[in-house]
Structures are given as C-alpha cells and as structure tokens.
Amino acid sequence: MKHALTLPLLLFCATLLHAQSIDLSLTLVSDEFSSPLNLQHAGDDRLFVVEQGGLIRILNNDGSVNAVPFLDLSGQISVGGERGLLGLAFHPDYDTNGFFYVNYTDTAGDTQVSRFSVSTGDPDVADPGSELPILGFDQPQSNHNGGCLAFGPDGYLYISSGDGGGGGDTNNRAQNTELLLGKMLRIDIDTPSGGENYSIPADNPFAGDPSKAEEIWAYGLRNPWKFSFDADTGDIWIGDVGQGDVEEIDRAGSTEAGLNYGWRCYEGSDPFNTSGCPDPSELTFPIAEYSSSTGSGNQAVTGGYVYRGDTYPAMEGLYFFADLTGGFIGTVDDSGTLTEYDGFPGFWVSFGEDVNNELYIIDLNGGVYQMEATFGVEDVVNTSVALYPNPTSDRVTLSVSQGVMERVVITGVQGNRMMERSDISSEEITVTTASLATGIYFVRVTLDSGASIVKKLVVR
C-alpha cells in the first residue's frame, strides 16, 4: 500500500540540457590493437594503449603504432574473460623518476599491482626487469577484478577492486571492511613503511585500525571497472557494473572518505539483498543509473571522464560513459541528468585522456577513437526539465521549458515496461502512477530533437 507524503509541491530539476545541443561524433585514430582495455598518457603526446593479452603499446600523435611494445607482460599473466593486463597509471613525476604502475591478474588469477621503470636508454621501451611488487591479493573467482589505477589530486594511488566474482556477492565481501574486495583502495607509494612497498595515508578512513583493511578508501562496490578524477574539481567518478538490472555511476568529492556505495544491499538504488545491511541513510547512492535488464540491450557500464579539454566547448563539464554492448555513449551533467546518444555500435570497454584532456573511447575489437562534439543547429543550452512531485503516490508531471516531448516510457528496474505515451508533441504532460507499486522506476523522455533523457522516479 502506498502512503502520501508531506512534500513540497514541486521537486524541480533544472539543468543545462546539453542533450539538445550536442552533435557527438567519433574519429578513428587506429584499429591496430588486440583487445585494448585502457589508454593513458605520460605527460607528452604519446598514448599508451594497454592490451588484455599483456602488451602496452605506444600510439603516436600521427596515428602510427610502434612495432616494439613499451612493455610485454604476456608471460606472467592469466588471460581470458575479465582477466589480463587491466590497468596502467604513470607516476605524477614520471618525467623525472620514470615510474609507472600496472594492475594485472597473475598466472594464478590473483590481482597484482606492481611498479615498473622506463629504460634508461629509450623512452619508448620499459625495463622488463624493473618490476617492484606493490600490492597483491587473492581473487576467489575469475570475474569482478576491477583493475583500474589512477593517481588522485592528492598524489596517492587509487586502485579499484571488484567483489571477488560469482553472482550476488553471496559472501558479502563488498561490505566486509576486513577485505580488499569490492573496494576503492588508496595507498602512498612514495613513502613505503612497515616492510611494504607502500604506506597507508593518515587520513584513510580505517588508518590505524588493525581490525580493518587500512588501504580502503571507499567500499560497497560490485565491479568498479573504470573510475577517473575530474581534472578541474578533483571529484572521483566511478562506473560500477551491476548484477543484471541496474548500472550505476557514482560521484564523490576528493576528500569524502569512507563512503559505502551499498552493494550487495542495493544494486544502484534498488534493494538487492538487505539482510544485515546498514540503514540506507548511511549509504551513498548513485548520481545516475540506467537499466541493463533483459531486453534492454545493455550489459555493463564503462566509466569514463569529465571533459576538460579546450577543443570542444559543447562537451565541457559533461561526464562521458558508455555501455559495453548497448550501442550508445552517454553523458551525465552536474545535476545528475543522464542522456544517451544512440547510434554508436561497438564494444565500448574504456575511455582515455591525452595530455590536453581530449577524450578517446576504446572498442574491445581493436579501435581507438577520438571523441568530438559541436553544438547542434538548435543551440539550445538553457532547457530546464521538471519531474514533480518526486517522490509521488498517484501522478507525476513532466515538463520541458524548450522543445517538446515526443515519447515517454516508464520502466521498472527489471526493465519491464510499465507504461508508454507516444506522439505527445507537448511541453508538459501528467502521467497517472496510482497503479504502480512502491519502488524505483526509470522515466525515459524522448525529445523532438531525438535526444533521450533518463530520470529516476520514486513511487511511495
């Protein structure tokens, strides 16, 4: 039974709606790679492309690829499924110390984070004998390895770790703060101590508590395959792959320590297995989410970057992500509005930035593409979208201040279509929700421009 709540009459979501004004396109830079999973720069014009099979190869700014790999780890990793050479990060002082860090699954299938050095005689080749093990831990299953690495604005190394694999996190590893699985880790690699090749930053949430895994920065993650830091604000953005119904995108300030993102208690905002879980008020829920249920065509979120380059003003401040098989590239703006741009088939497995903060997207089939966007002919950048009241009990009004709605579809978190209105051609409509059970729903609004915007609706 649903109960009416005492709410303000209007919960208004005003946003700079880039969805109507952006024409997104991709330009192929190179398709010479084998199962590429990552792209990084080292402070110059070169792009370093990580291949799942164990190679790091250099893509030059003229589109050529060096014949000799920068590093070859193919003989010391396990490959297949979600295993392989997964992550790469260059030290902030790489130009002086030559250090870089990789994340791979070793021959036993376990996670290994190690430091390597560039060779002294050739900047295009690393020293294969320079490996310094930093951090390693067991992986119970072959999937959900996480694997992303990045240096934060604080100079510490962040490492994403999946929940150890299987389905449903039956052992509740992501909520267990004694384990490194299902976490965002944060370590100091410049001042090793305690017999390790790293130390624990003093402001880590569990620093000094021997009953906890002191490396933890955040927890309650399922498979944070890709994360990044906003080059302007320092905010961390995480694309966390869902169990089967909800893909989530998380955002936090760079100093927000100890956040619990909720898995396995919640999949996105949807309750999954809340037995023994903390109160929802203690959890951090996604800034945006979308459905990956059967029939959606979606499979897994691929986290990207907030665009901070200078070449494409239409992209400024938007967080770009994609779905592995969904055939779209998406954006999330600062207010949490998620917009999908269809017509981009590919196995979108990663994003990357060059030294100028221009964005690239990677197809698992071998292609590296540069992302480009311009303002559309309508040049509408001040459209506001309203969804009110939200939460609701019996009806919800949808309104746009510029342009018109053509179609509205409401689906449950399982992807089941609850209602649809087509051929609307109106700036405002009211939809009855009295027949909907209490819960979370996704409202997809298609505009006359062809853009699709997804909002979250709560029915009480």
Protein backbone atom coordinates (compact mmCIF):
# COMPACT_ATOMS: atom_id res chain seq x y z
CA MET A 1 0.00 0.00 0.00
CA LYS A 2 1.27 3.46 -0.89
CA HIS A 3 1.13 6.36 1.51
CA ALA A 4 1.04 10.04 0.67
CA LEU A 5 3.96 12.04 2.00
CA THR A 6 4.14 15.66 3.05
CA LEU A 7 6.30 17.09 0.30
CA PRO A 8 6.95 20.41 -1.36
CA LEU A 9 4.59 20.83 -4.30
CA LEU A 10 7.46 20.87 -6.74
CA LEU A 11 10.70 18.97 -6.84
CA PHE A 12 12.29 20.75 -9.75
CA CYS A 13 15.32 19.50 -11.62
CA ALA A 14 16.75 22.41 -13.57
CA THR A 15 19.67 21.57 -15.80
CA LEU A 16 21.71 22.85 -18.68
CA LEU A 17 20.41 20.29 -21.13
CA HIS A 18 23.35 19.58 -23.41
CA ALA A 19 21.25 16.74 -24.86
CA GLN A 20 19.51 19.01 -27.36
CA SER A 21 22.60 20.92 -28.36
CA ILE A 22 25.39 18.39 -28.81
CA ASP A 23 26.30 16.55 -32.01
CA LEU A 24 28.66 13.78 -30.94
CA SER A 25 30.99 12.02 -33.37
CA LEU A 26 33.96 9.65 -33.29
CA THR A 27 37.11 9.73 -35.42
CA LEU A 28 39.14 6.56 -35.76
CA VAL A 29 42.75 7.09 -34.68
CA SER A 30 43.95 3.49 -35.03
CA ASP A 31 42.49 0.00 -35.25
CA GLU A 32 45.77 -1.90 -34.88
CA PHE A 33 45.26 -3.18 -31.35
CA SER A 34 44.33 -6.57 -29.93
CA SER A 35 41.69 -6.42 -27.17
CA PRO A 36 42.67 -2.97 -25.89
CA LEU A 37 41.42 -2.21 -22.37
CA ASN A 38 42.99 1.08 -21.33
CA LEU A 39 44.61 4.26 -22.63
CA GLN A 40 46.88 6.65 -20.74
CA HIS A 41 49.40 9.39 -21.43
CA ALA A 42 52.74 10.05 -19.75
CA GLY A 43 52.72 13.84 -19.91
CA ASP A 44 53.54 14.09 -23.62
CA ASP A 45 51.89 13.49 -26.99
CA ARG A 46 52.19 9.69 -26.88
CA LEU A 47 49.23 7.48 -25.96
CA PHE A 48 49.92 4.20 -24.18
CA VAL A 49 47.38 1.52 -25.05
CA VAL A 50 47.01 -1.48 -22.70
CA GLU A 51 46.12 -4.78 -24.36
CA GLN A 52 44.43 -7.52 -22.34
CA GLY A 53 46.99 -10.08 -23.51
CA GLY A 54 49.82 -8.30 -21.70
CA LEU A 55 51.26 -5.67 -24.04
CA ILE A 56 51.46 -1.91 -23.58
CA ARG A 57 51.87 -0.29 -27.00
CA ILE A 58 52.60 3.30 -27.96
CA LEU A 59 50.23 5.18 -30.26
CA ASN A 60 51.91 8.27 -31.67
CA ASN A 61 50.14 11.53 -32.44
CA ASP A 62 50.42 10.85 -36.20
CA GLY A 63 48.36 7.66 -35.79
CA SER A 64 51.30 5.27 -36.10
CA VAL A 65 51.87 2.46 -33.60
CA ASN A 66 55.38 1.49 -32.53
CA ALA A 67 56.34 -2.00 -33.67
CA VAL A 68 58.16 -2.72 -30.40
CA PRO A 69 55.84 -2.72 -27.38
CA PHE A 70 56.58 -0.43 -24.46
CA LEU A 71 56.18 -3.44 -22.11
CA ASP A 72 55.39 -7.11 -22.60
CA LEU A 73 53.94 -8.98 -19.62
CA SER A 74 52.27 -11.72 -21.64
CA GLY A 75 54.38 -14.43 -19.99
CA GLN A 76 53.34 -13.65 -16.41
CA ILE A 77 49.59 -13.02 -16.55
CA SER A 78 46.39 -15.02 -16.85
CA VAL A 79 44.13 -14.00 -19.72
CA GLY A 80 40.51 -14.71 -20.56
CA GLY A 81 37.12 -13.35 -19.62
CA GLU A 82 37.78 -10.48 -17.22
CA ARG A 83 41.41 -11.39 -16.55
CA GLY A 84 44.56 -9.98 -18.09
CA LEU A 85 46.59 -6.78 -18.04
CA LEU A 86 43.92 -4.40 -16.78
CA GLY A 87 45.28 -1.06 -15.59
CA LEU A 88 48.06 1.49 -16.09
CA ALA A 89 48.98 4.71 -14.29
CA PHE A 90 52.03 6.91 -14.70
CA HIS A 91 53.55 8.48 -11.61
CA PRO A 92 52.85 12.25 -11.39
CA ASP A 93 56.65 12.74 -11.51
CA TYR A 94 57.19 10.27 -14.33
CA ASP A 95 59.28 12.74 -16.33
CA THR A 96 61.90 12.67 -13.56
CA ASN A 97 61.60 9.22 -11.92
CA GLY A 98 60.34 7.09 -14.84
CA PHE A 99 57.94 5.09 -12.63
CA PHE A 100 54.63 3.64 -13.82
CA TYR A 101 52.20 1.16 -12.26
CA VAL A 102 50.22 -1.73 -13.71
CA ASN A 103 47.38 -3.90 -12.44
CA TYR A 104 47.18 -7.45 -13.78
CA THR A 105 45.92 -10.92 -12.87
CA ASP A 106 48.89 -13.21 -12.33
CA THR A 107 49.16 -16.80 -13.54
CA ALA A 108 47.12 -17.95 -10.51
CA GLY A 109 44.35 -15.48 -11.40
CA ASP A 110 45.04 -13.17 -8.45
CA THR A 111 45.44 -9.39 -8.52
CA GLN A 112 48.92 -7.92 -8.65
CA VAL A 113 49.77 -4.21 -8.64
CA SER A 114 53.42 -3.53 -9.48
CA ARG A 115 55.75 -0.69 -10.31
CA PHE A 116 57.97 -0.68 -13.40
CA SER A 117 60.53 1.80 -14.72
CA VAL A 118 61.24 3.14 -18.18
CA SER A 119 64.57 2.02 -19.61
CA THR A 120 67.50 4.39 -19.29
CA GLY A 121 68.34 4.37 -22.98
CA ASP A 122 64.98 4.50 -24.79
CA PRO A 123 61.86 6.43 -23.64
CA ASP A 124 59.69 4.18 -25.82
CA VAL A 125 60.68 0.97 -24.03
CA ALA A 126 60.29 -0.01 -20.37
CA ASP A 127 62.73 -2.09 -18.38
CA PRO A 128 61.05 -5.53 -18.07
CA GLY A 129 63.31 -6.48 -15.17
CA SER A 130 62.39 -3.48 -13.05
CA GLU A 131 59.20 -4.88 -11.51
CA LEU A 132 58.64 -3.92 -7.88
CA PRO A 133 55.57 -5.66 -6.39
CA ILE A 134 53.37 -3.15 -4.56
CA LEU A 135 50.16 -4.89 -3.56
CA GLY A 136 48.64 -8.29 -4.27
CA PHE A 137 45.52 -10.11 -3.12
CA ASP A 138 43.56 -13.26 -3.91
CA GLN A 139 40.65 -13.35 -6.35
CA PRO A 140 38.13 -16.07 -5.39
CA GLN A 141 36.58 -16.16 -8.88
CA SER A 142 37.71 -15.20 -12.38
CA ASN A 143 35.39 -12.21 -12.76
CA HIS A 144 34.90 -8.86 -10.99
CA ASN A 145 38.58 -7.98 -10.75
CA GLY A 146 38.15 -4.23 -11.06
CA GLY A 147 41.65 -3.36 -12.22
CA CYS A 148 41.67 0.39 -12.79
CA LEU A 149 44.50 2.56 -11.44
CA ALA A 150 44.77 6.34 -11.16
CA PHE A 151 46.67 8.92 -9.17
CA GLY A 152 44.36 11.31 -7.36
CA PRO A 153 44.84 15.05 -6.97
CA ASP A 154 46.41 14.25 -3.58
CA GLY A 155 49.22 12.27 -5.24
CA TYR A 156 48.09 8.93 -3.82
CA LEU A 157 47.48 5.84 -5.93
CA TYR A 158 43.85 4.67 -6.12
CA ILE A 159 43.02 1.08 -7.09
CA SER A 160 39.59 -0.33 -7.91
CA SER A 161 38.79 -3.83 -6.70
CA GLY A 162 35.75 -5.94 -7.58
CA ASP A 163 33.82 -8.06 -5.09
CA GLY A 164 35.69 -11.27 -5.91
CA GLY A 165 33.29 -12.58 -8.52
CA GLY A 166 30.50 -15.07 -8.75
CA GLY A 167 26.98 -13.67 -8.57
CA GLY A 168 25.21 -11.67 -5.88
CA ASP A 169 28.28 -11.36 -3.64
CA THR A 170 26.97 -14.23 -1.54
CA ASN A 171 29.85 -13.90 0.93
CA ASN A 172 29.15 -10.19 1.36
CA ARG A 173 32.75 -9.26 0.60
CA ALA A 174 31.98 -5.73 -0.59
CA GLN A 175 30.55 -4.81 2.83
CA ASN A 176 33.32 -6.54 4.75
CA THR A 177 35.87 -3.89 5.70
CA GLU A 178 38.43 -6.53 6.66
CA LEU A 179 38.81 -7.43 2.96
CA LEU A 180 40.19 -5.53 -0.03
CA LEU A 181 37.47 -6.88 -2.36
CA GLY A 182 34.63 -4.65 -3.53
CA LYS A 183 36.53 -1.51 -2.61
CA MET A 184 38.30 1.61 -3.75
CA LEU A 185 41.82 1.43 -2.31
CA ARG A 186 44.17 4.35 -1.64
CA ILE A 187 47.88 3.98 -0.88
CA ASP A 188 51.00 6.12 -0.62
CA ILE A 189 53.66 4.69 -2.92
CA ASP A 190 56.24 7.41 -2.25
CA THR A 191 56.87 6.67 1.45
CA PRO A 192 56.93 2.90 1.99
CA SER A 193 56.82 1.64 5.56
CA GLY A 194 56.15 -1.40 7.70
CA GLY A 195 58.06 -3.74 5.41
CA GLU A 196 55.72 -2.97 2.49
CA ASN A 197 56.44 -1.07 -0.72
CA TYR A 198 53.74 1.44 0.19
CA SER A 199 52.22 3.05 3.27
CA ILE A 200 48.73 3.97 4.47
CA PRO A 201 47.78 7.65 4.17
CA ALA A 202 46.96 9.01 7.62
CA ASP A 203 43.51 10.23 6.50
CA ASN A 204 42.34 6.88 5.11
CA PRO A 205 39.09 6.06 6.96
CA PHE A 206 40.49 2.95 8.70
CA ALA A 207 44.07 4.11 9.14
CA GLY A 208 45.44 2.91 12.47
CA ASP A 209 42.73 0.27 12.93
CA PRO A 210 44.38 -3.16 12.70
CA SER A 211 40.96 -4.85 12.63
CA LYS A 212 40.23 -3.25 9.23
CA ALA A 213 41.90 -3.24 5.85
CA GLU A 214 43.59 0.12 6.18
CA GLU A 215 44.04 0.51 2.41
CA ILE A 216 40.28 1.06 1.98
CA TRP A 217 39.11 4.48 0.82
CA ALA A 218 35.51 3.50 -0.09
CA TYR A 219 33.54 0.25 -0.12
CA GLY A 220 30.28 -1.38 -1.16
CA LEU A 221 31.25 -1.69 -4.85
CA ARG A 222 30.47 -4.63 -7.12
CA ASN A 223 32.85 -4.26 -10.06
CA PRO A 224 34.20 -0.71 -10.44
CA TRP A 225 35.72 -1.45 -13.83
CA LYS A 226 36.67 2.17 -14.58
CA PHE A 227 36.99 5.30 -12.49
CA SER A 228 38.56 8.72 -13.02
CA PHE A 229 39.16 12.09 -11.42
CA ASP A 230 37.72 15.35 -12.72
CA ALA A 231 40.78 17.35 -13.79
CA ASP A 232 39.16 20.60 -12.58
CA THR A 233 37.32 19.70 -9.37
CA GLY A 234 39.15 16.56 -8.24
CA ASP A 235 35.83 14.69 -7.89
CA ILE A 236 36.03 10.94 -8.37
CA TRP A 237 33.60 9.31 -10.82
CA ILE A 238 33.06 5.54 -10.72
CA GLY A 239 31.24 3.32 -13.19
CA ASP A 240 30.15 0.29 -11.14
CA VAL A 241 28.89 -2.68 -13.16
CA GLY A 242 25.52 -4.00 -11.96
CA GLN A 243 24.35 -7.52 -11.18
CA GLY A 244 21.85 -7.71 -14.02
CA ASP A 245 19.30 -4.93 -13.74
CA VAL A 246 20.91 -1.59 -12.83
CA GLU A 247 24.16 0.05 -13.96
CA GLU A 248 25.34 2.80 -11.65
CA ILE A 249 27.52 5.89 -11.84
CA ASP A 250 28.88 7.25 -8.57
CA ARG A 251 30.43 10.62 -7.82
CA ALA A 252 32.17 11.87 -4.68
CA GLY A 253 34.35 14.76 -3.64
CA SER A 254 38.06 14.04 -3.50
CA THR A 255 38.11 14.31 0.32
CA GLU A 256 34.99 12.22 1.05
CA ALA A 257 36.49 9.21 2.79
CA GLY A 258 34.80 6.02 3.95
CA LEU A 259 31.72 6.15 1.69
CA ASN A 260 29.66 2.97 1.43
CA TYR A 261 28.15 2.63 -2.07
CA GLY A 262 25.74 -0.05 -0.95
CA TRP A 263 26.46 -3.31 -2.81
CA ARG A 264 25.25 -6.10 -2.07
CA CYS A 265 22.49 -4.38 -0.11
CA TYR A 266 21.47 -2.33 -3.14
CA GLU A 267 22.01 -2.61 -6.87
CA GLY A 268 22.05 1.06 -7.77
CA SER A 269 19.08 2.48 -5.86
CA ASP A 270 17.16 -0.79 -5.97
CA PRO A 271 17.19 -3.10 -2.91
CA PHE A 272 19.03 -6.33 -3.74
CA ASN A 273 19.80 -8.22 -0.51
CA THR A 274 19.31 -6.01 2.53
CA SER A 275 19.76 -8.71 5.17
CA GLY A 276 22.09 -7.39 7.86
CA CYS A 277 22.67 -4.17 5.98
CA PRO A 278 23.14 -0.65 7.40
CA ASP A 279 20.36 1.91 7.33
CA PRO A 280 20.02 3.49 3.86
CA SER A 281 20.91 6.85 5.40
CA GLU A 282 24.44 5.50 5.88
CA LEU A 283 24.85 4.65 2.19
CA THR A 284 25.86 6.74 -0.81
CA PHE A 285 23.56 6.19 -3.78
CA PRO A 286 24.44 6.81 -7.45
CA ILE A 287 24.32 10.23 -9.08
CA ALA A 288 22.88 8.42 -12.14
CA GLU A 289 21.84 4.93 -13.20
CA TYR A 290 20.23 3.08 -16.10
CA SER A 291 18.68 -0.30 -16.81
CA SER A 292 20.62 -3.33 -18.03
CA SER A 293 17.78 -5.81 -17.62
CA THR A 294 16.92 -8.49 -20.16
CA GLY A 295 15.65 -6.86 -23.34
CA SER A 296 17.39 -3.54 -22.77
CA GLY A 297 20.37 -4.46 -24.93
CA ASN A 298 22.64 -3.09 -22.22
CA GLN A 299 25.16 -5.18 -20.33
CA ALA A 300 27.76 -3.26 -18.32
CA VAL A 301 28.63 0.37 -17.69
CA THR A 302 32.01 1.60 -18.86
CA GLY A 303 33.03 4.59 -16.80
CA GLY A 304 34.77 7.50 -18.49
CA TYR A 305 35.84 11.07 -17.79
CA VAL A 306 34.52 14.57 -17.27
CA TYR A 307 35.59 16.50 -20.36
CA ARG A 308 38.03 19.30 -19.52
CA GLY A 309 39.67 19.83 -22.89
CA ASP A 310 39.64 23.09 -24.87
CA THR A 311 38.75 21.89 -28.36
CA TYR A 312 35.04 21.04 -27.95
CA PRO A 313 33.14 23.52 -25.75
CA ALA A 314 29.91 21.55 -26.27
CA MET A 315 31.38 18.75 -24.14
CA GLU A 316 32.65 20.93 -21.30
CA GLY A 317 31.78 19.65 -17.82
CA LEU A 318 29.92 16.56 -19.02
CA TYR A 319 30.85 13.15 -17.70
CA PHE A 320 31.07 10.68 -20.59
CA PHE A 321 30.42 6.96 -20.20
CA ALA A 322 29.19 4.09 -22.36
CA ASP A 323 27.66 0.65 -22.15
CA LEU A 324 29.73 -2.34 -23.26
CA THR A 325 27.09 -3.62 -25.69
CA GLY A 326 24.30 -1.03 -25.57
CA GLY A 327 25.32 0.82 -28.73
CA PHE A 328 25.25 4.21 -27.07
CA ILE A 329 27.53 6.76 -25.46
CA GLY A 330 26.07 8.62 -22.50
CA THR A 331 26.62 11.79 -20.54
CA VAL A 332 25.81 12.85 -17.01
CA ASP A 333 25.71 16.54 -16.17
CA ASP A 334 26.43 18.14 -12.83
CA SER A 335 22.81 17.75 -11.68
CA GLY A 336 22.75 14.02 -12.46
CA THR A 337 20.77 14.16 -15.71
CA LEU A 338 21.71 11.13 -17.81
CA THR A 339 21.48 11.42 -21.61
CA GLU A 340 22.06 8.62 -24.11
CA TYR A 341 23.35 9.19 -27.65
CA ASP A 342 22.36 6.21 -29.77
CA GLY A 343 23.94 5.04 -32.99
CA PHE A 344 27.39 4.13 -31.68
CA PRO A 345 27.73 0.35 -32.08
CA GLY A 346 30.84 -1.19 -30.60
CA PHE A 347 32.20 -3.00 -27.58
CA TRP A 348 32.99 0.14 -25.59
CA VAL A 349 35.38 -1.07 -22.93
CA SER A 350 37.31 2.04 -21.87
CA PHE A 351 37.92 5.77 -22.24
CA GLY A 352 41.11 7.76 -22.04
CA GLU A 353 42.52 11.27 -21.96
CA ASP A 354 45.52 12.72 -23.76
CA VAL A 355 47.88 15.33 -22.33
CA ASN A 356 45.45 18.08 -23.38
CA ASN A 357 42.44 16.43 -21.69
CA GLU A 358 40.88 15.49 -25.02
CA LEU A 359 38.81 12.31 -24.81
CA TYR A 360 39.16 8.93 -26.50
CA ILE A 361 36.98 5.84 -26.44
CA ILE A 362 38.19 2.28 -26.94
CA ASP A 363 36.47 -0.60 -28.73
CA LEU A 364 37.45 -4.05 -27.47
CA ASN A 365 37.60 -5.13 -31.12
CA GLY A 366 40.74 -3.05 -31.58
CA GLY A 367 39.79 0.55 -32.35
CA VAL A 368 40.84 3.75 -30.59
CA TYR A 369 38.60 6.73 -31.44
CA GLN A 370 38.83 10.39 -30.58
CA MET A 371 35.59 11.92 -29.32
CA GLU A 372 34.36 15.16 -30.86
CA ALA A 373 31.22 17.24 -30.41
CA THR A 374 29.75 20.51 -31.58
CA PHE A 375 26.62 22.41 -30.67
CA GLY A 376 23.65 21.44 -32.83
CA VAL A 377 21.79 23.81 -35.08
CA GLU A 378 19.18 24.46 -32.39
CA ASP A 379 21.86 25.63 -29.97
CA VAL A 380 19.52 25.09 -27.04
CA VAL A 381 21.62 25.10 -23.85
CA ASN A 382 19.23 26.51 -21.24
CA THR A 383 16.40 23.99 -21.32
CA SER A 384 15.06 23.01 -17.91
CA VAL A 385 13.43 19.65 -17.17
CA ALA A 386 10.94 19.12 -14.34
CA LEU A 387 9.62 15.90 -12.84
CA TYR A 388 7.23 16.65 -9.98
CA PRO A 389 6.24 15.69 -7.40
CA ASN A 390 9.05 13.18 -6.94
CA PRO A 391 8.59 11.03 -4.87
CA THR A 392 4.94 10.68 -5.83
CA SER A 393 2.00 8.49 -4.93
CA ASP A 394 -0.61 8.92 -7.67
CA ARG A 395 0.61 11.11 -10.53
CA VAL A 396 3.68 12.86 -11.89
CA THR A 397 4.01 15.84 -14.21
CA LEU A 398 6.81 16.05 -16.74
CA SER A 399 7.72 19.40 -18.25
CA VAL A 400 10.37 20.89 -20.52
CA SER A 401 10.86 24.65 -20.93
CA GLN A 402 12.12 24.47 -24.52
CA GLY A 403 11.43 21.93 -27.23
CA VAL A 404 8.71 19.30 -26.91
CA MET A 405 8.40 15.75 -25.70
CA GLU A 406 7.58 13.12 -28.31
CA ARG A 407 7.60 9.94 -26.21
CA VAL A 408 7.67 8.93 -22.54
CA VAL A 409 8.36 5.38 -21.33
CA ILE A 410 8.35 4.30 -17.68
CA THR A 411 10.12 1.05 -16.81
CA GLY A 412 10.80 -0.82 -13.62
CA VAL A 413 14.32 -1.65 -12.50
CA GLN A 414 13.87 -5.12 -14.03
CA GLY A 415 13.46 -3.45 -17.43
CA ASN A 416 9.75 -4.25 -17.61
CA ARG A 417 7.78 -1.54 -19.39
CA MET A 418 5.05 -0.18 -17.12
CA MET A 419 3.56 2.50 -19.37
CA GLU A 420 4.26 4.38 -22.57
CA ARG A 421 2.98 7.59 -24.18
CA SER A 422 3.88 8.27 -27.82
CA ASP A 423 3.16 11.07 -30.28
CA ILE A 424 2.89 13.58 -27.46
CA SER A 425 4.24 16.75 -29.11
CA SER A 426 3.81 18.72 -25.93
CA GLU A 427 5.93 20.66 -23.46
CA GLU A 428 4.10 19.18 -20.45
CA ILE A 429 2.15 16.04 -19.62
CA THR A 430 0.78 14.43 -16.46
CA VAL A 431 1.01 10.66 -16.04
CA THR A 432 -1.03 8.64 -13.56
CA THR A 433 1.14 6.43 -11.34
CA ALA A 434 -1.55 5.09 -8.96
CA SER A 435 -1.25 1.61 -10.48
CA LEU A 436 2.49 1.41 -9.86
CA ALA A 437 3.77 -0.43 -6.82
CA THR A 438 6.03 1.33 -4.37
CA GLY A 439 9.58 1.41 -5.70
CA ILE A 440 12.13 2.90 -8.10
CA TYR A 441 11.32 3.49 -11.78
CA PHE A 442 13.15 4.92 -14.78
CA VAL A 443 11.42 7.58 -16.89
CA ARG A 444 12.84 7.92 -20.40
CA VAL A 445 11.82 11.12 -22.18
CA THR A 446 12.47 11.36 -25.93
CA LEU A 447 12.51 14.92 -27.28
CA ASP A 448 11.73 16.22 -30.73
CA SER A 449 15.49 16.63 -31.22
CA GLY A 450 15.88 12.84 -30.91
CA ALA A 451 17.74 13.04 -27.61
CA SER A 452 16.73 10.68 -24.81
CA ILE A 453 16.92 11.71 -21.16
CA VAL A 454 16.55 9.22 -18.31
CA LYS A 455 15.20 10.34 -14.93
CA LYS A 456 14.65 8.36 -11.76
CA LEU A 457 11.12 8.33 -10.29
CA VAL A 458 10.29 7.22 -6.77
CA VAL A 459 6.77 5.95 -6.10
CA ARG A 460 5.66 5.80 -2.46
